Amino acid sequence: MSNPKHLSEEWYTIANGDDLFTPALILFPGRIEQNIRTMISIAGGTNRLRPHIKTHKIAEVLGLQMKHGIMKFKCATIAEAEMCAMNGAGDILLASQSVGPGIERFFTLIQSFPECHISCIADDADNIELISAMAVRKNLKASIWLDINNGMNRTGVIPGKKAKDLYRLISRLPMLEAEGVHVYDGHIHESDPGIRKMICDESFRPVEIMINDLAKEGFPPVKIIAGGSPTFPLHAFREGTELSPGTTLLWDHGYSSSFSDMHFLIAAVLIMRVISKPSEGFLCLDLGHKAVASEMPQPRIKILGLTSYEITGHNEEHLVVKTPEDRKFRTGDLFYGIPYHICPTVDRYDSVYVARDGKVTEEWKVAARRRKITI
């Protein structure tokens, strides 16, 4: 009874589900490719896209994007960047400021893949000077994007005098190239498209003023990388701006339930099994903290196939659900679910199942979930 009848006609059900170990994550390449086509359509072409790798960390998903002509990517870690470079990416941005021994590691990455254009972000004068000094010692030029804080207050420098000073510093220090500005507005999550656009435009206006000021000083046109998944369609209207969505590749329940104006497909589904029926009205599933992103409050997953349920417990290996439908199911029954946050959910797995035409056919390694590959 692994696939109850009420699930048998759904797109996410797997014919060979009885053979799959749980908990696990299944990716659907056909739906991923449809999401890639949608991203390209919104961007108006592949050259403006720089998708974030942190969502999937998988060489084969990278390959699907490259198959459609996307060659520029954004990464959060050296391991993600190395995975991209190893698999033929042409242009990689490390969107995390390298500090301490990470600076030398960044240069090792550049040195190891001379055929690939590799850049990084920075937002601090002392650190920029350290990067320059290392570039001189290594005799390797470093391309730097100035990281801008336009409201998220996580990293970056607020656009204005200090930001312009830092951009000038990057431009004049030896062996550094001012590549442009990186503007991630991950704080903008308003569901209403009109309000989201208003906040996005207001947050970006100081960046435009700063870029215009630099142009008046004689700087070459400043390149821009802007937006995450909720805002990249809005930044697509800004001429010359690169766009860096990530979640759009796999989508998740959090974004799909919040952004009805964004027409992406769920392309990753969790599978789990009933491992106990501890009392009347309860099911215990094997989808613990270690199997799904657990950084936010409940609900952390949309369980498919149950019309009424409440998550009452979540531990390392167990997910306890209270439901009046418990008598329909037996120990060992398979359930499907959509995570609220896909990026850290993928990171829970060494490998994922891959489904084609309703059947799991292979597995893909989540290669860049490792903190270190070789560098």
Foldseek 3Di string as FASTA:
>chain_A
DQQDPVRVPDPPFFPVVLPDDPFFKEFEVVQLLVLLVLVQVLLVHQVQEAAECLLFLFLVSVVSNVVRPHQHYEYAAPLSVLSSLVNRRAEYEHEHQQDDCSLVVQVVSCVVRVNHHYAYEDADLVSLVVNLVVCVVVVAAHEYAQEECLDPPPDGHHQDDSSLVVLVSQVPRPRGHDQAHEEEDPVQQALDPVVSLVVVCVSCVSVVVSQVVVVVVPDDRGEYEYYEDVCQSSCSPPPRHRYYYYCSSQPFPQNVVRHVVRDGDHGMKTKWWFADDPDQQKTKIQCACLQFPDPDDPPFKAKPPAPDWDFDDHHHGITMIGHNCVVVDDGGHMTMITGSRSSVNSLSDQWHFYDDPSHGDDITGSRSSDNDDPD
